Every structure is written in structure tokens, then in C-alpha cells.
Protein backbone atom coordinates (compact mmCIF):
# COMPACT_ATOMS: atom_id res chain seq x y z
CA MET A 1 113.24 123.45 95.61
CA SER A 2 110.29 122.79 93.28
CA GLU A 3 108.17 119.94 92.07
CA ALA A 4 110.54 119.69 89.09
CA THR A 5 112.85 117.59 91.31
CA VAL A 6 110.21 114.82 91.21
CA ASP A 7 108.33 113.65 88.09
CA VAL A 8 104.85 114.19 89.49
CA ARG A 9 103.19 112.61 86.46
CA MET A 10 104.67 109.25 87.43
CA PRO A 11 103.91 107.56 90.78
CA PHE A 12 106.37 108.66 93.46
CA THR A 13 106.78 107.80 97.11
CA ARG A 14 106.46 110.24 99.95
CA ALA A 15 110.06 109.41 100.84
CA ALA A 16 111.24 110.43 97.35
CA TRP A 17 109.25 113.66 97.66
CA VAL A 18 110.87 114.54 100.97
CA LYS A 19 114.32 113.49 99.71
CA GLY A 20 113.83 115.97 96.85
CA GLY A 21 113.53 118.73 99.42
CA LEU A 22 109.80 119.23 98.94
CA ASP A 23 107.23 120.06 101.60
CA PRO A 24 105.03 116.99 102.41
CA GLY A 25 102.17 119.40 103.05
CA LEU A 26 102.00 120.11 99.31
CA LEU A 27 100.67 116.57 98.76
CA ARG A 28 97.41 117.70 100.36
CA ARG A 29 96.70 119.89 97.35
CA CYS A 30 93.70 118.77 95.33
CA GLU A 31 95.71 117.98 92.20
CA PHE A 32 97.58 115.14 93.92
CA ARG A 33 96.12 111.66 94.38
CA GLN A 34 97.31 108.94 96.74
CA ILE A 35 97.22 105.72 94.68
CA ILE A 36 98.60 103.30 97.27
CA ARG A 37 99.52 104.21 100.83
CA SER A 38 102.58 106.51 100.64
CA VAL A 39 102.58 106.60 96.81
CA TRP A 40 101.27 109.69 95.05
CA ILE A 41 100.78 111.12 91.55
CA HIS A 42 99.59 114.32 89.95
CA GLN A 43 96.05 113.86 88.64
CA ASP A 44 97.19 114.66 85.08
CA GLY A 45 99.41 111.58 85.07
CA ILE A 46 96.75 108.99 85.93
CA ASP A 47 96.15 106.29 83.33
CA ALA A 48 95.41 102.57 83.12
CA THR A 49 98.92 101.65 84.30
CA THR A 50 99.06 103.98 87.30
CA ARG A 51 98.22 101.46 90.05
CA ILE A 52 100.81 98.92 88.98
CA ARG A 53 103.41 101.67 88.49
CA ALA A 54 102.60 102.82 92.03
CA ALA A 55 103.09 99.29 93.35
CA LEU A 56 106.44 99.02 91.56
CA ALA A 57 107.51 102.43 92.92
CA LEU A 58 107.52 100.91 96.41
CA HIS A 59 109.99 98.20 95.38
CA PRO A 60 113.67 98.30 94.46
CA ASN A 61 114.77 98.25 90.83
CA GLY A 62 114.34 94.82 89.26
CA ALA A 63 110.82 94.22 90.55
CA VAL A 64 108.30 93.31 87.85
CA ALA A 65 104.54 93.32 87.45
CA SER A 66 103.22 89.76 87.62
CA HIS A 67 100.12 87.56 87.99
CA PHE A 68 96.87 89.54 87.50
CA SER A 69 98.72 92.84 87.02
CA ALA A 70 100.83 91.36 84.24
CA ALA A 71 97.75 89.89 82.56
CA ARG A 72 96.08 93.29 82.57
CA LEU A 73 99.15 94.96 81.08
CA LEU A 74 99.34 92.23 78.45
CA GLU A 75 95.63 92.75 77.67
CA LEU A 76 94.79 89.14 78.47
CA PRO A 77 91.37 88.08 79.82
CA VAL A 78 91.33 87.36 83.55
CA PRO A 79 88.62 87.87 86.18
CA GLU A 80 88.42 91.21 88.00
CA HIS A 81 90.94 91.36 90.83
CA LEU A 82 91.34 93.75 93.76
CA PHE A 83 95.10 93.65 94.20
CA GLU A 84 98.21 94.64 92.29
CA HIS A 85 100.87 91.93 92.03
CA VAL A 86 104.64 92.46 92.01
CA THR A 87 107.36 89.81 91.88
CA VAL A 88 110.84 90.33 93.35
CA PHE A 89 113.86 88.05 93.57
CA ARG A 90 114.94 88.57 97.19
CA ALA A 91 112.71 88.21 100.23
CA GLU A 92 113.97 91.49 101.68
CA ASP A 93 112.70 93.34 98.60
CA ARG A 94 109.05 92.53 99.31
CA ARG A 95 106.76 95.35 100.40
CA TRP A 96 103.44 95.20 102.21
CA ARG A 97 100.32 97.23 101.54
CA PRO A 98 96.60 96.33 101.75
CA GLU A 99 96.26 96.86 97.98
CA LEU A 100 99.37 94.88 97.11
CA ARG A 101 100.47 91.26 96.82
CA SER A 102 104.25 90.98 96.72
CA HIS A 103 105.77 87.66 95.60
CA VAL A 104 109.34 86.40 95.76
CA THR A 105 110.82 83.78 93.45
CA GLN A 106 114.14 82.35 92.32
CA ARG A 107 112.50 80.33 89.54
CA LEU A 108 111.78 82.89 86.83
CA ARG A 109 113.35 81.28 83.75
CA ARG A 110 112.33 83.80 81.09
CA SER A 111 113.43 87.41 81.07
CA PRO A 112 110.82 90.05 81.90
CA ILE A 113 109.54 92.21 79.07
CA VAL A 114 108.49 95.87 79.00
CA VAL A 115 104.89 96.78 78.17
CA ARG A 116 103.89 100.46 77.99
CA GLY A 117 107.07 101.26 79.88
CA VAL A 118 106.32 98.81 82.70
CA PRO A 119 108.56 95.77 83.36
CA THR A 120 106.40 92.66 83.50
CA THR A 121 106.50 88.90 83.24
CA ASP A 122 106.10 87.53 79.72
CA PRO A 123 102.78 85.94 78.65
CA VAL A 124 103.84 82.31 79.21
CA THR A 125 105.28 83.02 82.67
CA THR A 126 102.09 84.91 83.54
CA PHE A 127 100.04 81.90 82.44
CA ILE A 128 102.05 79.58 84.71
CA GLN A 129 101.91 81.98 87.66
CA LEU A 130 98.13 82.32 87.43
CA ALA A 131 97.69 78.55 87.51
CA GLY A 132 98.04 78.96 91.27
CA THR A 133 94.91 81.13 91.42
CA LEU A 134 92.66 80.58 88.42
CA GLY A 135 90.36 77.60 87.96
CA LEU A 136 90.84 75.30 84.99
CA VAL A 137 88.30 77.02 82.73
CA ASP A 138 89.63 80.54 83.36
CA LEU A 139 93.16 79.27 82.80
CA VAL A 140 92.24 77.74 79.44
CA VAL A 141 90.54 81.03 78.51
CA LEU A 142 93.83 82.76 79.35
CA GLY A 143 95.90 80.20 77.45
CA ASP A 144 93.74 80.48 74.32
CA ALA A 145 94.24 84.25 74.44
CA VAL A 146 98.02 83.93 74.89
CA VAL A 147 98.15 81.73 71.80
CA LYS A 148 96.03 84.15 69.76
CA ARG A 149 97.56 87.45 70.85
CA TYR A 150 101.22 86.51 71.22
CA LYS A 151 101.58 83.86 68.50
CA VAL A 152 102.62 81.19 70.99
CA THR A 153 101.74 77.74 69.67
CA PRO A 154 99.82 75.37 71.96
CA ALA A 155 102.70 72.90 71.55
CA ARG A 156 105.20 75.46 72.81
CA LEU A 157 102.97 76.31 75.76
CA VAL A 158 102.72 72.62 76.68
CA LYS A 159 106.49 72.11 76.28
CA THR A 160 107.31 75.11 78.45
CA CYS A 161 104.96 73.95 81.21
CA ARG A 162 106.41 70.42 81.09
CA GLU A 163 109.97 71.69 81.40
CA SER A 164 109.25 74.37 83.98
CA ASP A 165 110.20 74.06 87.64
CA GLU A 166 108.13 77.12 88.50
CA TYR A 167 105.41 76.85 91.11
CA TYR A 168 102.10 75.55 89.69
CA ALA A 169 103.69 74.38 86.42
CA GLY A 170 101.85 71.06 86.83
CA ARG A 171 98.48 72.77 87.07
CA ALA A 172 99.44 75.00 84.16
CA LEU A 173 100.27 71.92 82.08
CA LYS A 174 96.83 70.45 82.68
CA ALA A 175 95.26 73.60 81.22
CA ALA A 176 97.86 73.97 78.44
CA LEU A 177 96.90 70.55 77.09
CA LEU A 178 93.39 71.97 76.52
CA VAL A 179 94.52 75.19 74.83
CA ARG A 180 93.77 75.50 71.11
CA ARG A 181 94.86 77.75 68.26
CA GLY A 182 92.31 79.90 66.41
CA VAL A 183 89.96 80.73 69.31
CA ASP A 184 88.30 84.11 68.83
CA SER A 185 86.90 84.96 72.26
CA PRO A 186 86.81 83.99 75.95
CA MET A 187 83.18 82.89 75.63
CA GLU A 188 84.10 80.55 72.79
CA SER A 189 86.75 79.05 75.09
CA ARG A 190 84.19 78.61 77.88
CA LEU A 191 81.72 76.93 75.56
CA ARG A 192 84.36 74.52 74.29
CA MET A 193 85.41 73.70 77.85
CA LEU A 194 81.79 73.03 78.88
CA ILE A 195 81.56 70.50 76.05
CA VAL A 196 84.92 68.86 76.82
CA LEU A 197 84.47 68.66 80.59
CA ALA A 198 81.04 67.11 80.06
CA GLY A 199 82.78 64.25 78.28
CA LEU A 200 81.31 65.00 74.87
CA PRO A 201 83.52 64.82 71.76
CA GLU A 202 85.63 67.95 71.36
CA PRO A 203 84.59 70.09 68.39
CA LYS A 204 87.21 71.37 65.98
CA VAL A 205 88.12 75.04 66.36
CA ASP A 206 88.30 77.63 63.59
CA VAL A 207 86.90 75.44 60.80
CA ARG A 208 86.75 77.18 57.42
CA LEU A 209 84.69 76.46 54.34
CA LEU A 210 86.39 77.33 51.05
CA ASN A 211 85.05 78.16 47.64
CA ASP A 212 85.95 75.97 44.66
CA ASP A 213 88.86 78.30 43.85
CA GLY A 214 90.27 77.91 47.37
CA SER A 215 89.18 81.33 48.63
CA TRP A 216 87.71 81.69 52.13
CA ARG A 217 83.91 81.50 52.36
CA ARG A 218 82.77 80.73 55.92
CA ARG A 219 84.38 80.32 59.33
CA PHE A 220 82.91 78.28 62.20
CA ASP A 221 83.93 78.76 65.84
CA LEU A 222 83.24 75.14 66.85
CA CYS A 223 82.35 72.44 64.39
CA TYR A 224 81.92 68.70 63.90
CA PRO A 225 82.66 68.54 60.14
CA GLU A 226 81.95 64.80 59.92
CA ILE A 227 78.27 65.34 60.71
CA ARG A 228 77.92 68.94 59.51
CA MET A 229 77.12 70.26 62.96
CA ILE A 230 78.13 73.72 64.15
CA VAL A 231 78.06 75.05 67.72
CA GLU A 232 78.28 78.83 68.02
CA TYR A 233 78.36 81.30 70.86
CA ASP A 234 76.10 84.25 70.05
CA GLY A 235 76.67 87.40 72.10
CA ARG A 236 73.84 89.82 72.80
CA GLN A 237 75.53 92.49 70.63
CA HIS A 238 74.53 90.56 67.52
CA ALA A 239 70.83 91.00 68.31
CA GLU A 240 71.41 94.72 68.87
CA ASP A 241 73.14 95.21 65.51
CA ALA A 242 70.54 95.01 62.72
CA ALA A 243 73.11 94.58 59.94
CA GLN A 244 74.87 91.79 61.80
CA TRP A 245 71.57 90.13 62.62
CA ASN A 246 70.47 90.13 58.97
CA SER A 247 73.87 88.81 57.89
CA ASP A 248 73.59 85.99 60.44
CA LEU A 249 70.11 85.07 59.17
CA GLU A 250 71.32 84.90 55.58
CA ARG A 251 74.32 82.86 56.63
CA ARG A 252 72.17 80.35 58.52
CA GLU A 253 69.79 80.02 55.59
CA GLU A 254 72.76 79.25 53.35
CA LEU A 255 73.99 76.64 55.82
CA ASP A 256 70.52 75.10 55.99
CA ASP A 257 70.65 74.69 52.22
CA GLU A 258 73.91 72.78 52.66
CA GLU A 259 72.34 70.60 55.38
CA TYR A 260 74.39 71.98 58.26
CA ARG A 261 72.81 72.00 61.73
CA VAL A 262 73.67 75.20 63.62
CA LEU A 263 73.26 75.12 67.40
CA ILE A 264 73.33 78.59 68.99
CA VAL A 265 74.44 79.06 72.61
CA THR A 266 74.13 82.37 74.50
CA ALA A 267 75.72 83.54 77.75
CA ARG A 268 72.67 82.20 79.62
CA GLY A 269 73.39 78.75 78.22
CA ILE A 270 76.88 78.84 79.76
CA PHE A 271 76.39 80.70 83.05
CA VAL A 272 72.75 79.96 83.95
CA GLU A 273 71.71 76.79 82.12
CA PRO A 274 74.90 74.82 81.40
CA GLU A 275 73.20 71.46 81.96
CA ARG A 276 70.54 72.27 79.38
CA THR A 277 73.25 73.34 76.92
CA ILE A 278 75.11 70.06 77.40
CA GLU A 279 71.95 68.07 76.79
CA ARG A 280 71.12 70.11 73.68
CA ILE A 281 74.55 69.38 72.25
CA ARG A 282 74.42 65.70 73.21
CA ARG A 283 70.98 65.29 71.69
CA THR A 284 72.00 67.05 68.49
CA LEU A 285 75.14 64.94 68.15
CA GLU A 286 73.01 61.85 68.51
CA SER A 287 70.41 63.02 65.99
CA ARG A 288 73.13 63.88 63.48
CA GLY A 289 74.50 60.34 63.70
CA TRP A 290 77.66 60.82 65.75
CA ARG A 291 79.51 57.51 65.94
CA GLY A 292 80.81 57.04 69.44
CA PRO A 293 79.73 57.16 73.08
CA LEU A 294 77.76 60.20 74.22
CA VAL A 295 77.79 59.67 77.99
CA ILE A 296 77.79 62.82 80.14
CA ASP A 297 80.71 63.11 82.58
CA PRO A 298 79.61 64.92 85.77
CA THR A 299 83.11 66.48 86.08
CA TRP A 300 81.78 69.61 84.35
CA ARG A 301 79.84 70.46 87.54
CA GLU A 302 83.11 71.17 89.33
CA HIS A 303 83.84 74.02 86.92
CA PHE A 304 80.48 75.56 85.99
CA SER A 305 77.72 76.87 88.27
CA VAL A 306 74.50 74.85 88.30
């Protein structure tokens, strides 16, 4: 027998190797890598999907990538996570490994999809599943990305969560009600959530200024058009890109001429000094003549480090 009886460039179990009539001692050769206990692959086959493929190789047909593993396959923003997640539909199909979290459900209402050859839960199901693990802010970040990347409307996301009997659908609904269309980045989502959870008026997302002929001129991440106030997240990469930096300066000068107030927030203002950021925004709203209460809700402290 030869290695040709097993596709060594895809994860395979030791049991499959032995069943193919191959010597287990060959797995000690340097070109083989153990990905998960008892699951191996030839080093030439390793790619970004290898760990989840290895986890699925331990399970019977029908198992799907889910939770954090599904989010990674779907290229959705979630925090770093140590484990691979697989969902099966019978308790006896679960498998146990230190690197693996195996879930069982009878409540999957939408058919799995295939991404890069890997069966996985669809984006909306993944959003609902992760409501059991992610905090509210991270879940809204995920929901904003689902809407942007997979053309799911916020209304559809809310409707699906309301009608779902899946675990954590209630928590998913709470986040879905805060998801918006037109969000460009996770940090923009975090900034908007800091404002909203602090009880300040929610800025409009993806506001665009048009020329007289109707053509697109400027886009604002977060804006209060009534008082010509813009809140923008500015990543460090802008300061490191001279062309972008000069373009931003020209843009802000143009906005100054049109009497817009641009408030810039960096990562430090979200992760290190969120209270200062809230006060800056509140004070600017007040100075620009916002009509309405501007009382800070301490709820934001439950979701952001202080």
C-alpha cells in the first residue's frame, strides 16, 4: 500500500491511515504534522482552513463548522479564540479533544453553506450562535459586518432573530436591533456603540454629501447632519500614509469652510479613554446646539473598560 490510499494534503485521522493499510510509524516523518490529537496532514497541505478541517475529520458526515470557526471561515470580525467549533445533530456524533468544542443542536433552521470547501453555518445562524459567547458590543460589530459583507438587511436580521427558537436568539435580537447598514469597520461600530450605550443621541451612519449635479462628494462615518457635526474614527495607518494624511487635511479644511465640526477619535479614545471620548462628544453636541437631553447613561461602563 502507499500514501495514495489517503489524501495526505487534507486532514486525516490515524484510524483512516491504518484502515488504508499504511504503517502508523510513517506519521513520525518530518513532513507530517499532527493538527489535533489523532488528526494529521502533510505539511504541503496546511492552510488557513486546516484546523477546522481537522476538527471536522473527527466527526461523521453532516457535521458543520460553527460559532468562532464559522465566523473565521466567513471572514467576519470576532475576537481571537483558542478552540475550533463543530456542530452536529445527534449527541452520539460529538467528539472530544482539548482543542475542540463540539455542539449538538436540533434547532438549526437554515441549511449550512460551503465556504472554501468547508461546510459551515450561514452568517445569520453564526450571529445567533455567537450571542451565547460574545458581549453586546462585539456582537453588534459582528452584525454590522454580516450586513455589509453578505447583503443581509438589518430588518431581516431582526426578523430572523425574533422568529428563531435557537438558543440565544433573544440575546441576538438585542444586538440585531443595534445593527446598522453602511458601517465600514469594526472600530466604527465600537465608536457608535460607545455613543449609544452612553445614552447620547445616535449619529447617522454612512452620510453622504452630494454635488449640485447629484454626484457623490463626501462620505461621513458618523454624523449629526442637523448640527453639522461629524464623529470619525481615525486609525493609526492614516498618520503613517503621507498621501492619506494630506488628503485628510484638505478634506477637513473644506469642511471647516462649510462650518462642519469634525471630532476625531482614535483607538486610545475607545479602549483607554472612553469616558473622555464620551464627554468630548457630549460637550460638542451641546456647543453645536443639539436640541434634546444630553445626560450620560452609566450603562456604557458595563461594555467598555475604564
